[in-house]
Amino acid sequence: MLTVGLNHFLVISAVLFSLGIYGIVTRKNAVMVLMGIELVLNSANINFVAFSHYGNFGLNGQAIALFVIVLAAAEAAIALAIVLNVYKTFAEVNVDEIDHLKE
């Protein structure tokens, strides 16, 4: 029988983290970059919960994961508001082509 251990959670978390970083670095669309950030935060949540369960830390990992979920929801709301304002101003959301904000 296969038992799920800490290594399985760490591998899943590493895969999610790698996909998130790949999405952040390679995408030009601001919404896709935000989705990559969400993947990175979710991989951190998996690590928090796994270490909390297998490291006998009590509910500290779940509490931190809940805090990260609230932080991610606030980040998504603010970032989408910024993306909508950028789209209204420049009529595009490509991160590379919006360099007029410096001026």
PDB file of N, CA and C in Angstrom:
ATOM      1  N   MET A   1       0.824  -1.185   0.000  1.00  0.00           N
ATOM      2  CA  MET A   1       0.000   0.000   0.000  1.00  0.00           C
ATOM      3  C   MET A   1       0.870   1.251   0.000  1.00  0.00           C
ATOM      4  N   LEU A   2       0.425   2.235  -0.708  1.00  0.00           N
ATOM      5  CA  LEU A   2       1.164   3.487  -0.798  1.00  0.00           C
ATOM      6  C   LEU A   2       0.672   4.450   0.276  1.00  0.00           C
ATOM      7  N   THR A   3       1.582   4.937   1.071  1.00  0.00           N
ATOM      8  CA  THR A   3       1.227   5.950   2.058  1.00  0.00           C
ATOM      9  C   THR A   3       1.776   7.288   1.588  1.00  0.00           C
ATOM     10  N   VAL A   4       0.972   8.286   1.770  1.00  0.00           N
ATOM     11  CA  VAL A   4       1.370   9.628   1.353  1.00  0.00           C
ATOM     12  C   VAL A   4       2.185  10.248   2.477  1.00  0.00           C
ATOM     13  N   GLY A   5       3.393  10.632   2.150  1.00  0.00           N
ATOM     14  CA  GLY A   5       4.289  11.215   3.143  1.00  0.00           C
ATOM     15  C   GLY A   5       4.623  12.656   2.824  1.00  0.00           C
ATOM     16  N   LEU A   6       5.529  13.190   3.612  1.00  0.00           N
ATOM     17  CA  LEU A   6       5.937  14.582   3.438  1.00  0.00           C
ATOM     18  C   LEU A   6       6.592  14.813   2.083  1.00  0.00           C
ATOM     19  N   ASN A   7       7.333  13.846   1.591  1.00  0.00           N
ATOM     20  CA  ASN A   7       8.019  13.991   0.301  1.00  0.00           C
ATOM     21  C   ASN A   7       7.032  14.213  -0.843  1.00  0.00           C
ATOM     22  N   HIS A   8       5.888  13.550  -0.798  1.00  0.00           N
ATOM     23  CA  HIS A   8       4.885  13.723  -1.850  1.00  0.00           C
ATOM     24  C   HIS A   8       4.368  15.158  -1.872  1.00  0.00           C
ATOM     25  N   PHE A   9       4.095  15.711  -0.689  1.00  0.00           N
ATOM     26  CA  PHE A   9       3.629  17.090  -0.620  1.00  0.00           C
ATOM     27  C   PHE A   9       4.702  18.064  -1.095  1.00  0.00           C
ATOM     28  N   LEU A  10       5.945  17.792  -0.754  1.00  0.00           N
ATOM     29  CA  LEU A  10       7.029  18.684  -1.169  1.00  0.00           C
ATOM     30  C   LEU A  10       7.243  18.642  -2.676  1.00  0.00           C
ATOM     31  N   VAL A  11       7.076  17.482  -3.282  1.00  0.00           N
ATOM     32  CA  VAL A  11       7.217  17.382  -4.745  1.00  0.00           C
ATOM     33  C   VAL A  11       6.093  18.148  -5.433  1.00  0.00           C
ATOM     34  N   ILE A  12       4.859  17.968  -4.967  1.00  0.00           N
ATOM     35  CA  ILE A  12       3.728  18.711  -5.546  1.00  0.00           C
ATOM     36  C   ILE A  12       3.940  20.210  -5.376  1.00  0.00           C
ATOM     37  N   SER A  13       4.400  20.609  -4.210  1.00  0.00           N
ATOM     38  CA  SER A  13       4.639  22.026  -3.964  1.00  0.00           C
ATOM     39  C   SER A  13       5.752  22.568  -4.864  1.00  0.00           C
ATOM     40  N   ALA A  14       6.797  21.788  -5.069  1.00  0.00           N
ATOM     41  CA  ALA A  14       7.894  22.227  -5.941  1.00  0.00           C
ATOM     42  C   ALA A  14       7.429  22.361  -7.389  1.00  0.00           C
ATOM     43  N   VAL A  15       6.571  21.451  -7.826  1.00  0.00           N
ATOM     44  CA  VAL A  15       6.042  21.532  -9.192  1.00  0.00           C
ATOM     45  C   VAL A  15       5.173  22.779  -9.348  1.00  0.00           C
ATOM     46  N   LEU A  16       4.288  23.024  -8.371  1.00  0.00           N
ATOM     47  CA  LEU A  16       3.447  24.227  -8.435  1.00  0.00           C
ATOM     48  C   LEU A  16       4.287  25.496  -8.400  1.00  0.00           C
ATOM     49  N   PHE A  17       5.307  25.514  -7.544  1.00  0.00           N
ATOM     50  CA  PHE A  17       6.176  26.681  -7.453  1.00  0.00           C
ATOM     51  C   PHE A  17       6.901  26.918  -8.769  1.00  0.00           C
ATOM     52  N   SER A  18       7.402  25.850  -9.379  1.00  0.00           N
ATOM     53  CA  SER A  18       8.113  25.978 -10.654  1.00  0.00           C
ATOM     54  C   SER A  18       7.191  26.481 -11.758  1.00  0.00           C
ATOM     55  N   LEU A  19       5.968  25.960 -11.805  1.00  0.00           N
ATOM     56  CA  LEU A  19       5.007  26.441 -12.801  1.00  0.00           C
ATOM     57  C   LEU A  19       4.642  27.901 -12.565  1.00  0.00           C
ATOM     58  N   GLY A  20       4.532  28.290 -11.304  1.00  0.00           N
ATOM     59  CA  GLY A  20       4.232  29.687 -10.995  1.00  0.00           C
ATOM     60  C   GLY A  20       5.347  30.632 -11.412  1.00  0.00           C
ATOM     61  N   ILE A  21       6.583  30.257 -11.107  1.00  0.00           N
ATOM     62  CA  ILE A  21       7.721  31.089 -11.514  1.00  0.00           C
ATOM     63  C   ILE A  21       7.826  31.142 -13.032  1.00  0.00           C
ATOM     64  N   TYR A  22       7.594  30.017 -13.693  1.00  0.00           N
ATOM     65  CA  TYR A  22       7.599  30.005 -15.158  1.00  0.00           C
ATOM     66  C   TYR A  22       6.523  30.944 -15.705  1.00  0.00           C
ATOM     67  N   GLY A  23       5.342  30.931 -15.112  1.00  0.00           N
ATOM     68  CA  GLY A  23       4.270  31.820 -15.549  1.00  0.00           C
ATOM     69  C   GLY A  23       4.574  33.282 -15.303  1.00  0.00           C
ATOM     70  N   ILE A  24       5.250  33.577 -14.207  1.00  0.00           N
ATOM     71  CA  ILE A  24       5.598  34.967 -13.898  1.00  0.00           C
ATOM     72  C   ILE A  24       6.652  35.482 -14.874  1.00  0.00           C
ATOM     73  N   VAL A  25       7.651  34.659 -15.165  1.00  0.00           N
ATOM     74  CA  VAL A  25       8.782  35.110 -15.976  1.00  0.00           C
ATOM     75  C   VAL A  25       8.441  35.173 -17.458  1.00  0.00           C
ATOM     76  N   THR A  26       7.667  34.224 -17.961  1.00  0.00           N
ATOM     77  CA  THR A  26       7.489  34.129 -19.407  1.00  0.00           C
ATOM     78  C   THR A  26       6.255  34.832 -19.943  1.00  0.00           C
ATOM     79  N   ARG A  27       5.281  35.119 -19.141  1.00  0.00           N
ATOM     80  CA  ARG A  27       4.034  35.705 -19.650  1.00  0.00           C
ATOM     81  C   ARG A  27       4.138  37.219 -19.735  1.00  0.00           C
ATOM     82  N   LYS A  28       3.478  37.779 -20.734  1.00  0.00           N
ATOM     83  CA  LYS A  28       3.441  39.222 -20.908  1.00  0.00           C
ATOM     84  C   LYS A  28       2.116  39.811 -20.436  1.00  0.00           C
ATOM     85  N   ASN A  29       1.099  38.978 -20.362  1.00  0.00           N
ATOM     86  CA  ASN A  29      -0.211  39.435 -19.943  1.00  0.00           C
ATOM     87  C   ASN A  29      -0.232  39.559 -18.422  1.00  0.00           C
ATOM     88  N   ALA A  30      -0.723  40.687 -17.916  1.00  0.00           N
ATOM     89  CA  ALA A  30      -0.707  40.946 -16.481  1.00  0.00           C
ATOM     90  C   ALA A  30      -1.578  39.958 -15.711  1.00  0.00           C
ATOM     91  N   VAL A  31      -2.673  39.516 -16.297  1.00  0.00           N
ATOM     92  CA  VAL A  31      -3.545  38.557 -15.624  1.00  0.00           C
ATOM     93  C   VAL A  31      -2.837  37.213 -15.481  1.00  0.00           C
ATOM     94  N   MET A  32      -2.086  36.807 -16.484  1.00  0.00           N
ATOM     95  CA  MET A  32      -1.347  35.548 -16.403  1.00  0.00           C
ATOM     96  C   MET A  32      -0.224  35.636 -15.362  1.00  0.00           C
ATOM     97  N   VAL A  33       0.392  36.792 -15.217  1.00  0.00           N
ATOM     98  CA  VAL A  33       1.403  36.984 -14.184  1.00  0.00           C
ATOM     99  C   VAL A  33       0.756  36.855 -12.806  1.00  0.00           C
ATOM    100  N   LEU A  34      -0.429  37.407 -12.639  1.00  0.00           N
ATOM    101  CA  LEU A  34      -1.144  37.279 -11.371  1.00  0.00           C
ATOM    102  C   LEU A  34      -1.495  35.825 -11.073  1.00  0.00           C
ATOM    103  N   MET A  35      -1.842  35.065 -12.107  1.00  0.00           N
ATOM    104  CA  MET A  35      -2.118  33.645 -11.900  1.00  0.00           C
ATOM    105  C   MET A  35      -0.859  32.898 -11.474  1.00  0.00           C
ATOM    106  N   GLY A  36       0.292  33.281 -12.001  1.00  0.00           N
ATOM    107  CA  GLY A  36       1.552  32.683 -11.570  1.00  0.00           C
ATOM    108  C   GLY A  36       1.858  32.990 -10.112  1.00  0.00           C
ATOM    109  N   ILE A  37       1.568  34.211  -9.694  1.00  0.00           N
ATOM    110  CA  ILE A  37       1.761  34.579  -8.290  1.00  0.00           C
ATOM    111  C   ILE A  37       0.852  33.749  -7.393  1.00  0.00           C
ATOM    112  N   GLU A  38      -0.370  33.512  -7.827  1.00  0.00           N
ATOM    113  CA  GLU A  38      -1.293  32.680  -7.049  1.00  0.00           C
ATOM    114  C   GLU A  38      -0.778  31.247  -6.928  1.00  0.00           C
ATOM    115  N   LEU A  39      -0.175  30.710  -7.987  1.00  0.00           N
ATOM    116  CA  LEU A  39       0.402  29.372  -7.911  1.00  0.00           C
ATOM    117  C   LEU A  39       1.543  29.311  -6.903  1.00  0.00           C
ATOM    118  N   VAL A  40       2.367  30.335  -6.880  1.00  0.00           N
ATOM    119  CA  VAL A  40       3.476  30.382  -5.922  1.00  0.00           C
ATOM    120  C   VAL A  40       2.933  30.431  -4.492  1.00  0.00           C
ATOM    121  N   LEU A  41       1.911  31.238  -4.256  1.00  0.00           N
ATOM    122  CA  LEU A  41       1.332  31.322  -2.919  1.00  0.00           C
ATOM    123  C   LEU A  41       0.668  30.009  -2.507  1.00  0.00           C
ATOM    124  N   ASN A  42       0.018  29.329  -3.455  1.00  0.00           N
ATOM    125  CA  ASN A  42      -0.597  28.041  -3.137  1.00  0.00           C
ATOM    126  C   ASN A  42       0.456  26.974  -2.835  1.00  0.00           C
ATOM    127  N   SER A  43       1.592  27.026  -3.506  1.00  0.00           N
ATOM    128  CA  SER A  43       2.649  26.067  -3.185  1.00  0.00           C
ATOM    129  C   SER A  43       3.190  26.321  -1.775  1.00  0.00           C
ATOM    130  N   ALA A  44       3.268  27.575  -1.377  1.00  0.00           N
ATOM    131  CA  ALA A  44       3.688  27.879  -0.006  1.00  0.00           C
ATOM    132  C   ALA A  44       2.661  27.366   1.000  1.00  0.00           C
ATOM    133  N   ASN A  45       1.377  27.478   0.666  1.00  0.00           N
ATOM    134  CA  ASN A  45       0.338  26.962   1.559  1.00  0.00           C
ATOM    135  C   ASN A  45       0.449  25.455   1.735  1.00  0.00           C
ATOM    136  N   ILE A  46       0.728  24.740   0.662  1.00  0.00           N
ATOM    137  CA  ILE A  46       0.896  23.292   0.766  1.00  0.00           C
ATOM    138  C   ILE A  46       2.062  22.969   1.690  1.00  0.00           C
ATOM    139  N   ASN A  47       3.142  23.713   1.579  1.00  0.00           N
ATOM    140  CA  ASN A  47       4.286  23.489   2.466  1.00  0.00           C
ATOM    141  C   ASN A  47       3.934  23.770   3.921  1.00  0.00           C
ATOM    142  N   PHE A  48       3.234  24.869   4.180  1.00  0.00           N
ATOM    143  CA  PHE A  48       2.848  25.201   5.551  1.00  0.00           C
ATOM    144  C   PHE A  48       2.006  24.101   6.179  1.00  0.00           C
ATOM    145  N   VAL A  49       1.012  23.631   5.446  1.00  0.00           N
ATOM    146  CA  VAL A  49       0.118  22.602   5.984  1.00  0.00           C
ATOM    147  C   VAL A  49       0.849  21.271   6.138  1.00  0.00           C
ATOM    148  N   ALA A  50       1.688  20.914   5.181  1.00  0.00           N
ATOM    149  CA  ALA A  50       2.421  19.645   5.264  1.00  0.00           C
ATOM    150  C   ALA A  50       3.406  19.656   6.428  1.00  0.00           C
ATOM    151  N   PHE A  51       4.142  20.732   6.598  1.00  0.00           N
ATOM    152  CA  PHE A  51       5.087  20.796   7.707  1.00  0.00           C
ATOM    153  C   PHE A  51       4.362  20.852   9.046  1.00  0.00           C
ATOM    154  N   SER A  52       3.199  21.477   9.062  1.00  0.00           N
ATOM    155  CA  SER A  52       2.412  21.513  10.285  1.00  0.00           C
ATOM    156  C   SER A  52       1.932  20.121  10.659  1.00  0.00           C
ATOM    157  N   HIS A  53       1.529  19.337   9.679  1.00  0.00           N
ATOM    158  CA  HIS A  53       1.015  17.991   9.948  1.00  0.00           C
ATOM    159  C   HIS A  53       2.128  17.016  10.311  1.00  0.00           C
ATOM    160  N   TYR A  54       3.187  17.016   9.526  1.00  0.00           N
ATOM    161  CA  TYR A  54       4.241  16.033   9.734  1.00  0.00           C
ATOM    162  C   TYR A  54       5.297  16.491  10.737  1.00  0.00           C
ATOM    163  N   GLY A  55       5.315  17.762  11.080  1.00  0.00           N
ATOM    164  CA  GLY A  55       6.300  18.257  12.039  1.00  0.00           C
ATOM    165  C   GLY A  55       5.744  18.452  13.425  1.00  0.00           C
ATOM    166  N   ASN A  56       4.471  18.109  13.628  1.00  0.00           N
ATOM    167  CA  ASN A  56       3.825  18.245  14.937  1.00  0.00           C
ATOM    168  C   ASN A  56       3.910  19.668  15.480  1.00  0.00           C
ATOM    169  N   PHE A  57       3.556  20.639  14.631  1.00  0.00           N
ATOM    170  CA  PHE A  57       3.546  22.035  15.050  1.00  0.00           C
ATOM    171  C   PHE A  57       2.161  22.505  15.472  1.00  0.00           C
ATOM    172  N   GLY A  58       1.232  21.605  15.590  1.00  0.00           N
ATOM    173  CA  GLY A  58      -0.119  21.989  15.970  1.00  0.00           C
ATOM    174  C   GLY A  58      -0.844  22.615  14.799  1.00  0.00           C
ATOM    175  N   LEU A  59      -1.576  23.662  15.075  1.00  0.00           N
ATOM    176  CA  LEU A  59      -2.351  24.338  14.032  1.00  0.00           C
ATOM    177  C   LEU A  59      -1.652  25.576  13.488  1.00  0.00           C
ATOM    178  N   ASN A  60      -0.374  25.759  13.773  1.00  0.00           N
ATOM    179  CA  ASN A  60       0.338  26.950  13.306  1.00  0.00           C
ATOM    180  C   ASN A  60       0.414  26.999  11.782  1.00  0.00           C
ATOM    181  N   GLY A  61       0.662  25.883  11.135  1.00  0.00           N
ATOM    182  CA  GLY A  61       0.742  25.850   9.676  1.00  0.00           C
ATOM    183  C   GLY A  61      -0.584  26.185   9.021  1.00  0.00           C
ATOM    184  N   GLN A  62      -1.676  25.660   9.582  1.00  0.00           N
ATOM    185  CA  GLN A  62      -2.996  25.972   9.032  1.00  0.00           C
ATOM    186  C   GLN A  62      -3.339  27.439   9.238  1.00  0.00           C
ATOM    187  N   ALA A  63      -2.947  28.006  10.371  1.00  0.00           N
ATOM    188  CA  ALA A  63      -3.218  29.425  10.633  1.00  0.00           C
ATOM    189  C   ALA A  63      -2.450  30.308   9.665  1.00  0.00           C
ATOM    190  N   ILE A  64      -1.202  29.980   9.414  1.00  0.00           N
ATOM    191  CA  ILE A  64      -0.405  30.764   8.464  1.00  0.00           C
ATOM    192  C   ILE A  64      -0.959  30.602   7.054  1.00  0.00           C
ATOM    193  N   ALA A  65      -1.389  29.384   6.695  1.00  0.00           N
ATOM    194  CA  ALA A  65      -1.975  29.159   5.374  1.00  0.00           C
ATOM    195  C   ALA A  65      -3.254  29.972   5.207  1.00  0.00           C
ATOM    196  N   LEU A  66      -4.062  30.041   6.249  1.00  0.00           N
ATOM    197  CA  LEU A  66      -5.272  30.858   6.188  1.00  0.00           C
ATOM    198  C   LEU A  66      -4.929  32.334   6.007  1.00  0.00           C
ATOM    199  N   PHE A  67      -3.894  32.804   6.690  1.00  0.00           N
ATOM    200  CA  PHE A  67      -3.445  34.178   6.524  1.00  0.00           C
ATOM    201  C   PHE A  67      -2.967  34.427   5.095  1.00  0.00           C
ATOM    202  N   VAL A  68      -2.258  33.473   4.502  1.00  0.00           N
ATOM    203  CA  VAL A  68      -1.774  33.618   3.126  1.00  0.00           C
ATOM    204  C   VAL A  68      -2.951  33.640   2.147  1.00  0.00           C
ATOM    205  N   ILE A  69      -3.993  32.850   2.414  1.00  0.00           N
ATOM    206  CA  ILE A  69      -5.176  32.857   1.550  1.00  0.00           C
ATOM    207  C   ILE A  69      -5.861  34.216   1.596  1.00  0.00           C
ATOM    208  N   VAL A  70      -5.984  34.797   2.781  1.00  0.00           N
ATOM    209  CA  VAL A  70      -6.579  36.132   2.907  1.00  0.00           C
ATOM    210  C   VAL A  70      -5.711  37.166   2.198  1.00  0.00           C
ATOM    211  N   LEU A  71      -4.403  37.053   2.363  1.00  0.00           N
ATOM    212  CA  LEU A  71      -3.476  37.963   1.689  1.00  0.00           C
ATOM    213  C   LEU A  71      -3.582  37.833   0.175  1.00  0.00           C
ATOM    214  N   ALA A  72      -3.721  36.606  -0.329  1.00  0.00           N
ATOM    215  CA  ALA A  72      -3.837  36.382  -1.773  1.00  0.00           C
ATOM    216  C   ALA A  72      -5.145  36.949  -2.307  1.00  0.00           C
ATOM    217  N   ALA A  73      -6.212  36.857  -1.542  1.00  0.00           N
ATOM    218  CA  ALA A  73      -7.489  37.427  -1.984  1.00  0.00           C
ATOM    219  C   ALA A  73      -7.405  38.948  -2.066  1.00  0.00           C
ATOM    220  N   ALA A  74      -6.778  39.558  -1.074  1.00  0.00           N
ATOM    221  CA  ALA A  74      -6.609  41.012  -1.104  1.00  0.00           C
ATOM    222  C   ALA A  74      -5.695  41.431  -2.253  1.00  0.00           C
ATOM    223  N   GLU A  75      -4.631  40.671  -2.474  1.00  0.00           N
ATOM    224  CA  GLU A  75      -3.707  40.967  -3.580  1.00  0.00           C
ATOM    225  C   GLU A  75      -4.406  40.852  -4.921  1.00  0.00           C
ATOM    226  N   ALA A  76      -5.243  39.845  -5.068  1.00  0.00           N
ATOM    227  CA  ALA A  76      -5.953  39.664  -6.334  1.00  0.00           C
ATOM    228  C   ALA A  76      -6.938  40.798  -6.579  1.00  0.00           C
ATOM    229  N   ALA A  77      -7.634  41.234  -5.557  1.00  0.00           N
ATOM    230  CA  ALA A  77      -8.595  42.324  -5.725  1.00  0.00           C
ATOM    231  C   ALA A  77      -7.893  43.626  -6.104  1.00  0.00           C
ATOM    232  N   ILE A  78      -6.813  43.944  -5.418  1.00  0.00           N
ATOM    233  CA  ILE A  78      -6.093  45.186  -5.714  1.00  0.00           C
ATOM    234  C   ILE A  78      -5.407  45.104  -7.069  1.00  0.00           C
ATOM    235  N   ALA A  79      -4.799  43.973  -7.373  1.00  0.00           N
ATOM    236  CA  ALA A  79      -4.098  43.832  -8.647  1.00  0.00           C
ATOM    237  C   ALA A  79      -5.062  43.884  -9.830  1.00  0.00           C
ATOM    238  N   LEU A  80      -6.232  43.261  -9.691  1.00  0.00           N
ATOM    239  CA  LEU A  80      -7.202  43.327 -10.788  1.00  0.00           C
ATOM    240  C   LEU A  80      -7.745  44.736 -10.972  1.00  0.00           C
ATOM    241  N   ALA A  81      -7.884  45.495  -9.886  1.00  0.00           N
ATOM    242  CA  ALA A  81      -8.294  46.894 -10.019  1.00  0.00           C
ATOM    243  C   ALA A  81      -7.224  47.697 -10.755  1.00  0.00           C
ATOM    244  N   ILE A  82      -5.963  47.433 -10.460  1.00  0.00           N
ATOM    245  CA  ILE A  82      -4.876  48.113 -11.163  1.00  0.00           C
ATOM    246  C   ILE A  82      -4.866  47.717 -12.633  1.00  0.00           C
ATOM    247  N   VAL A  83      -5.047  46.428 -12.921  1.00  0.00           N
ATOM    248  CA  VAL A  83      -5.066  45.962 -14.309  1.00  0.00           C
ATOM    249  C   VAL A  83      -6.218  46.608 -15.074  1.00  0.00           C
ATOM    250  N   LEU A  84      -7.383  46.735 -14.464  1.00  0.00           N
ATOM    251  CA  LEU A  84      -8.513  47.381 -15.136  1.00  0.00           C
ATOM    252  C   LEU A  84      -8.237  48.850 -15.417  1.00  0.00           C
ATOM    253  N   ASN A  85      -7.600  49.548 -14.483  1.00  0.00           N
ATOM    254  CA  ASN A  85      -7.246  50.952 -14.723  1.00  0.00           C
ATOM    255  C   ASN A  85      -6.184  51.088 -15.804  1.00  0.00           C
ATOM    256  N   VAL A  86      -5.213  50.179 -15.828  1.00  0.00           N
ATOM    257  CA  VAL A  86      -4.191  50.204 -16.876  1.00  0.00           C
ATOM    258  C   VAL A  86      -4.834  49.931 -18.229  1.00  0.00           C
ATOM    259  N   TYR A  87      -5.767  48.980 -18.283  1.00  0.00           N
ATOM    260  CA  TYR A  87      -6.447  48.681 -19.542  1.00  0.00           C
ATOM    261  C   TYR A  87      -7.269  49.875 -20.017  1.00  0.00           C
ATOM    262  N   LYS A  88      -7.907  50.557 -19.068  1.00  0.00           N
ATOM    263  CA  LYS A  88      -8.706  51.730 -19.441  1.00  0.00           C
ATOM    264  C   LYS A  88      -7.808  52.846 -19.984  1.00  0.00           C
ATOM    265  N   THR A  89      -6.600  52.962 -19.440  1.00  0.00           N
ATOM    266  CA  THR A  89      -5.690  54.026 -19.871  1.00  0.00           C
ATOM    267  C   THR A  89      -4.966  53.678 -21.165  1.00  0.00           C
ATOM    268  N   PHE A  90      -4.437  52.455 -21.284  1.00  0.00           N
ATOM    269  CA  PHE A  90      -3.585  52.086 -22.406  1.00  0.00           C
ATOM    270  C   PHE A  90      -4.235  51.150 -23.419  1.00  0.00           C
ATOM    271  N   ALA A  91      -5.407  50.633 -23.130  1.00  0.00           N
ATOM    272  CA  ALA A  91      -6.147  49.699 -23.995  1.00  0.00           C
ATOM    273  C   ALA A  91      -5.380  48.397 -24.229  1.00  0.00           C
ATOM    274  N   GLU A  92      -4.521  48.003 -23.301  1.00  0.00           N
ATOM    275  CA  GLU A  92      -3.823  46.729 -23.347  1.00  0.00           C
ATOM    276  C   GLU A  92      -3.313  46.413 -21.941  1.00  0.00           C
ATOM    277  N   VAL A  93      -3.035  45.125 -21.721  1.00  0.00           N
ATOM    278  CA  VAL A  93      -2.527  44.714 -20.412  1.00  0.00           C
ATOM    279  C   VAL A  93      -1.217  43.954 -20.517  1.00  0.00           C
ATOM    280  N   ASN A  94      -0.498  44.120 -21.610  1.00  0.00           N
ATOM    281  CA  ASN A  94       0.816  43.491 -21.753  1.00  0.00           C
ATOM    282  C   ASN A  94       1.820  44.224 -20.879  1.00  0.00           C
ATOM    283  N   VAL A  95       2.516  43.482 -20.047  1.00  0.00           N
ATOM    284  CA  VAL A  95       3.425  44.073 -19.086  1.00  0.00           C
ATOM    285  C   VAL A  95       4.612  44.745 -19.778  1.00  0.00           C
ATOM    286  N   ASP A  96       5.094  44.175 -20.870  1.00  0.00           N
ATOM    287  CA  ASP A  96       6.248  44.725 -21.579  1.00  0.00           C
ATOM    288  C   ASP A  96       5.948  46.044 -22.261  1.00  0.00           C
ATOM    289  N   GLU A  97       4.732  46.240 -22.701  1.00  0.00           N
ATOM    290  CA  GLU A  97       4.405  47.427 -23.493  1.00  0.00           C
ATOM    291  C   GLU A  97       3.886  48.593 -22.653  1.00  0.00           C
ATOM    292  N   ILE A  98       3.750  48.392 -21.373  1.00  0.00           N
ATOM    293  CA  ILE A  98       3.262  49.475 -20.512  1.00  0.00           C
ATOM    294  C   ILE A  98       4.448  50.055 -19.773  1.00  0.00           C
ATOM    295  N   ASP A  99       5.225  50.860 -20.446  1.00  0.00           N
ATOM    296  CA  ASP A  99       6.352  51.521 -19.809  1.00  0.00           C
ATOM    297  C   ASP A  99       6.134  53.021 -19.705  1.00  0.00           C
ATOM    298  N   HIS A 100       4.956  53.486 -20.076  1.00  0.00           N
ATOM    299  CA  HIS A 100       4.655  54.914 -19.980  1.00  0.00           C
ATOM    300  C   HIS A 100       4.289  55.330 -18.572  1.00  0.00           C
ATOM    301  N   LEU A 101       4.175  54.392 -17.657  1.00  0.00           N
ATOM    302  CA  LEU A 101       3.849  54.729 -16.269  1.00  0.00           C
ATOM    303  C   LEU A 101       5.036  55.377 -15.566  1.00  0.00           C
ATOM    304  N   LYS A 102       6.230  55.259 -16.123  1.00  0.00           N
ATOM    305  CA  LYS A 102       7.406  55.867 -15.530  1.00  0.00           C
ATOM    306  C   LYS A 102       7.361  57.385 -15.605  1.00  0.00           C
ATOM    307  N   GLU A 103       6.694  57.891 -16.610  1.00  0.00           N
ATOM    308  CA  GLU A 103       6.683  59.338 -16.861  1.00  0.00           C
ATOM    309  C   GLU A 103       5.689  60.062 -16.009  1.00  0.00           C
TER     310      GLU A 103
END
